[in-house]
C-alpha atoms as a PDB file:
ATOM      1  CA  UNK A   1       0.000   0.000   0.000  1.00  0.00           C
ATOM      2  CA  UNK A   2       1.466   3.366  -1.064  1.00  0.00           C
ATOM      3  CA  UNK A   3       0.503   6.471   0.886  1.00  0.00           C
ATOM      4  CA  UNK A   4       0.480   9.867  -0.756  1.00  0.00           C
ATOM      5  CA  UNK A   5       2.307  12.749   0.851  1.00  0.00           C
ATOM      6  CA  UNK A   6      -0.110  15.382   2.046  1.00  0.00           C
ATOM      7  CA  UNK A   7       0.291  19.096   1.385  1.00  0.00           C
ATOM      8  CA  UNK A   8       0.831  19.648   5.115  1.00  0.00           C
ATOM      9  CA  UNK A   9       3.682  17.111   5.126  1.00  0.00           C
ATOM     10  CA  UNK A  10       5.254  18.900   2.143  1.00  0.00           C
ATOM     11  CA  UNK A  11       4.947  22.276   3.900  1.00  0.00           C
ATOM     12  CA  UNK A  12       6.439  20.867   7.107  1.00  0.00           C
ATOM     13  CA  UNK A  13       9.345  19.376   5.159  1.00  0.00           C
ATOM     14  CA  UNK A  14      10.014  22.641   3.274  1.00  0.00           C
ATOM     15  CA  UNK A  15       9.894  24.611   6.545  1.00  0.00           C
ATOM     16  CA  UNK A  16      12.338  22.128   8.076  1.00  0.00           C
ATOM     17  CA  UNK A  17      14.755  22.508   5.150  1.00  0.00           C
ATOM     18  CA  UNK A  18      14.618  26.329   5.287  1.00  0.00           C
ATOM     19  CA  UNK A  19      15.109  26.463   9.061  1.00  0.00           C
ATOM     20  CA  UNK A  20      18.598  27.692   9.952  1.00  0.00           C
ATOM     21  CA  UNK A  21      18.506  26.089  13.390  1.00  0.00           C
ATOM     22  CA  UNK A  22      21.089  23.372  13.825  1.00  0.00           C
ATOM     23  CA  UNK A  23      19.859  19.906  14.652  1.00  0.00           C
ATOM     24  CA  UNK A  24      21.602  18.648  17.785  1.00  0.00           C
ATOM     25  CA  UNK A  25      24.016  15.783  17.343  1.00  0.00           C
ATOM     26  CA  UNK A  26      22.277  12.879  19.107  1.00  0.00           C
ATOM     27  CA  UNK A  27      25.606  11.087  19.548  1.00  0.00           C
ATOM     28  CA  UNK A  28      27.089  14.016  21.446  1.00  0.00           C
ATOM     29  CA  UNK A  29      25.638  14.926  24.805  1.00  0.00           C
ATOM     30  CA  UNK A  30      27.196  17.835  26.674  1.00  0.00           C
ATOM     31  CA  UNK A  31      27.524  16.806  30.283  1.00  0.00           C
ATOM     32  CA  UNK A  32      26.505  19.648  32.567  1.00  0.00           C
ATOM     33  CA  UNK A  33      28.638  18.978  35.658  1.00  0.00           C
ATOM     34  CA  UNK A  34      31.941  17.692  34.379  1.00  0.00           C
ATOM     35  CA  UNK A  35      34.519  18.155  37.130  1.00  0.00           C
ATOM     36  CA  UNK A  36      37.536  17.956  34.887  1.00  0.00           C
ATOM     37  CA  UNK A  37      36.235  20.047  32.029  1.00  0.00           C
ATOM     38  CA  UNK A  38      39.022  22.242  30.726  1.00  0.00           C
ATOM     39  CA  UNK A  39      37.868  25.515  29.176  1.00  0.00           C
ATOM     40  CA  UNK A  40      39.904  28.131  27.319  1.00  0.00           C
ATOM     41  CA  UNK A  41      38.791  31.394  25.736  1.00  0.00           C
ATOM     42  CA  UNK A  42      40.041  33.454  22.801  1.00  0.00           C
ATOM     43  CA  UNK A  43      38.888  36.983  21.947  1.00  0.00           C
ATOM     44  CA  UNK A  44      39.214  37.967  18.275  1.00  0.00           C
ATOM     45  CA  UNK A  45      37.967  41.567  18.563  1.00  0.00           C
ATOM     46  CA  UNK A  46      39.985  43.849  16.290  1.00  0.00           C
ATOM     47  CA  UNK A  47      41.515  41.043  14.231  1.00  0.00           C
ATOM     48  CA  UNK A  48      41.412  41.043  10.444  1.00  0.00           C
ATOM     49  CA  UNK A  49      39.946  37.939   8.813  1.00  0.00           C
ATOM     50  CA  UNK A  50      43.418  36.592   7.978  1.00  0.00           C
ATOM     51  CA  UNK A  51      44.743  37.276  11.493  1.00  0.00           C
ATOM     52  CA  UNK A  52      41.658  35.711  13.080  1.00  0.00           C
ATOM     53  CA  UNK A  53      41.864  32.571  10.934  1.00  0.00           C
ATOM     54  CA  UNK A  54      45.557  32.086  11.709  1.00  0.00           C
ATOM     55  CA  UNK A  55      45.021  32.752  15.425  1.00  0.00           C
ATOM     56  CA  UNK A  56      42.044  30.404  15.721  1.00  0.00           C
ATOM     57  CA  UNK A  57      43.854  27.619  13.886  1.00  0.00           C
ATOM     58  CA  UNK A  58      46.871  27.850  16.205  1.00  0.00           C
ATOM     59  CA  UNK A  59      44.652  28.202  19.273  1.00  0.00           C
ATOM     60  CA  UNK A  60      42.537  25.122  18.478  1.00  0.00           C
ATOM     61  CA  UNK A  61      45.653  23.035  17.792  1.00  0.00           C
ATOM     62  CA  UNK A  62      47.213  24.181  21.087  1.00  0.00           C
ATOM     63  CA  UNK A  63      44.010  23.518  23.040  1.00  0.00           C
ATOM     64  CA  UNK A  64      43.694  20.063  21.476  1.00  0.00           C
ATOM     65  CA  UNK A  65      47.281  19.234  22.497  1.00  0.00           C
ATOM     66  CA  UNK A  66      46.524  20.464  26.048  1.00  0.00           C
ATOM     67  CA  UNK A  67      43.360  18.290  26.248  1.00  0.00           C
ATOM     68  CA  UNK A  68      41.035  21.272  26.516  1.00  0.00           C
ATOM     69  CA  UNK A  69      37.415  20.131  26.198  1.00  0.00           C
ATOM     70  CA  UNK A  70      35.654  23.428  25.442  1.00  0.00           C
ATOM     71  CA  UNK A  71      36.854  26.550  23.642  1.00  0.00           C
ATOM     72  CA  UNK A  72      34.942  29.817  23.848  1.00  0.00           C
ATOM     73  CA  UNK A  73      35.580  31.936  20.753  1.00  0.00           C
ATOM     74  CA  UNK A  74      34.573  35.590  21.025  1.00  0.00           C
ATOM     75  CA  UNK A  75      34.266  37.213  17.623  1.00  0.00           C
ATOM     76  CA  UNK A  76      32.010  40.125  18.455  1.00  0.00           C
ATOM     77  CA  UNK A  77      28.735  40.857  16.734  1.00  0.00           C
ATOM     78  CA  UNK A  78      30.174  42.899  13.871  1.00  0.00           C
ATOM     79  CA  UNK A  79      28.426  46.085  14.929  1.00  0.00           C
ATOM     80  CA  UNK A  80      31.547  48.201  14.372  1.00  0.00           C
ATOM     81  CA  UNK A  81      32.671  46.406  11.235  1.00  0.00           C
ATOM     82  CA  UNK A  82      33.678  48.636   8.343  1.00  0.00           C
ATOM     83  CA  UNK A  83      32.155  46.150   5.887  1.00  0.00           C
ATOM     84  CA  UNK A  84      28.671  47.396   6.777  1.00  0.00           C
ATOM     85  CA  UNK A  85      29.587  50.780   5.258  1.00  0.00           C
ATOM     86  CA  UNK A  86      31.143  49.319   2.093  1.00  0.00           C
ATOM     87  CA  UNK A  87      28.543  48.142  -0.444  1.00  0.00           C
ATOM     88  CA  UNK A  88      31.176  46.079  -2.278  1.00  0.00           C
ATOM     89  CA  UNK A  89      31.857  43.818   0.696  1.00  0.00           C
ATOM     90  CA  UNK A  90      29.511  41.067   1.817  1.00  0.00           C
ATOM     91  CA  UNK A  91      28.509  41.623   5.421  1.00  0.00           C
ATOM     92  CA  UNK A  92      28.059  37.890   5.961  1.00  0.00           C
ATOM     93  CA  UNK A  93      31.484  36.938   4.631  1.00  0.00           C
ATOM     94  CA  UNK A  94      33.673  39.635   6.090  1.00  0.00           C
ATOM     95  CA  UNK A  95      32.447  39.870   9.677  1.00  0.00           C
ATOM     96  CA  UNK A  96      34.338  37.471  11.942  1.00  0.00           C
ATOM     97  CA  UNK A  97      31.208  36.004  13.496  1.00  0.00           C
ATOM     98  CA  UNK A  98      30.443  34.460  10.083  1.00  0.00           C
ATOM     99  CA  UNK A  99      33.872  33.954   8.560  1.00  0.00           C
ATOM    100  CA  UNK A 100      35.665  32.257  11.492  1.00  0.00           C
ATOM    101  CA  UNK A 101      33.186  29.360  11.909  1.00  0.00           C
ATOM    102  CA  UNK A 102      33.165  28.906   8.134  1.00  0.00           C
ATOM    103  CA  UNK A 103      36.993  28.789   8.104  1.00  0.00           C
ATOM    104  CA  UNK A 104      36.976  26.156  10.854  1.00  0.00           C
ATOM    105  CA  UNK A 105      34.335  24.003   9.149  1.00  0.00           C
ATOM    106  CA  UNK A 106      36.271  24.092   5.858  1.00  0.00           C
ATOM    107  CA  UNK A 107      39.626  23.243   7.477  1.00  0.00           C
ATOM    108  CA  UNK A 108      39.991  19.453   7.324  1.00  0.00           C
ATOM    109  CA  UNK A 109      42.778  19.349   9.934  1.00  0.00           C
ATOM    110  CA  UNK A 110      40.768  21.331  12.478  1.00  0.00           C
ATOM    111  CA  UNK A 111      37.475  19.550  11.911  1.00  0.00           C
ATOM    112  CA  UNK A 112      39.142  16.225  12.833  1.00  0.00           C
ATOM    113  CA  UNK A 113      39.738  17.617  16.344  1.00  0.00           C
ATOM    114  CA  UNK A 114      36.228  18.966  16.849  1.00  0.00           C
ATOM    115  CA  UNK A 115      33.105  17.243  18.160  1.00  0.00           C
ATOM    116  CA  UNK A 116      30.712  20.139  17.695  1.00  0.00           C
ATOM    117  CA  UNK A 117      30.439  23.902  17.201  1.00  0.00           C
ATOM    118  CA  UNK A 118      27.475  25.594  18.882  1.00  0.00           C
ATOM    119  CA  UNK A 119      26.205  29.071  19.682  1.00  0.00           C
ATOM    120  CA  UNK A 120      27.370  30.543  22.983  1.00  0.00           C
ATOM    121  CA  UNK A 121      25.115  31.230  25.924  1.00  0.00           C
ATOM    122  CA  UNK A 122      24.350  34.862  26.718  1.00  0.00           C
ATOM    123  CA  UNK A 123      26.799  34.893  29.670  1.00  0.00           C
ATOM    124  CA  UNK A 124      29.659  33.868  27.340  1.00  0.00           C
ATOM    125  CA  UNK A 125      28.933  36.426  24.612  1.00  0.00           C
ATOM    126  CA  UNK A 126      25.655  35.302  23.063  1.00  0.00           C
ATOM    127  CA  UNK A 127      25.508  35.960  19.324  1.00  0.00           C
ATOM    128  CA  UNK A 128      29.014  37.448  19.424  1.00  0.00           C
ATOM    129  CA  UNK A 129      30.597  34.152  20.455  1.00  0.00           C
ATOM    130  CA  UNK A 130      30.445  30.398  19.915  1.00  0.00           C
ATOM    131  CA  UNK A 131      31.674  27.201  21.541  1.00  0.00           C
ATOM    132  CA  UNK A 132      33.959  24.568  20.102  1.00  0.00           C
ATOM    133  CA  UNK A 133      33.901  21.172  21.811  1.00  0.00           C
ATOM    134  CA  UNK A 134      37.128  19.291  21.203  1.00  0.00           C
ATOM    135  CA  UNK A 135      37.714  15.569  20.966  1.00  0.00           C
ATOM    136  CA  UNK A 136      40.014  13.745  23.345  1.00  0.00           C
ATOM    137  CA  UNK A 137      43.392  13.524  21.604  1.00  0.00           C
ATOM    138  CA  UNK A 138      43.979  10.062  23.099  1.00  0.00           C
ATOM    139  CA  UNK A 139      40.756   8.700  21.596  1.00  0.00           C
ATOM    140  CA  UNK A 140      41.344   9.846  17.990  1.00  0.00           C
ATOM    141  CA  UNK A 141      41.745   6.969  15.570  1.00  0.00           C
END
């Protein structure tokens, strides 16, 4: 017996595909009260895109070697970015809050060290920051 897809199902599916919200990784559960959680923070305010990409790459590699479990990356919200004033620059590509996560996700060496990248909580910078959860270097195959 073949069932037809209803219009509502089609609309729900299209809404799901358009939704920018990330689907949580069901294989990765962030434990709330980890005693030995090691956290480091990097602030990229004032960096150019090239400087920020180089700094974040070195920082993630160093944190991975030091068995850091969570990295807080502060990029800022881009409110003072000069790209907003320049019509020839893409706001979404030049502001660090967009370009740094994209750089990380496109870097095959870095992505091997990372479990997940998520938005930061308000107390850690909100929309001007994000978290990187790193793998255990002793459990990498």
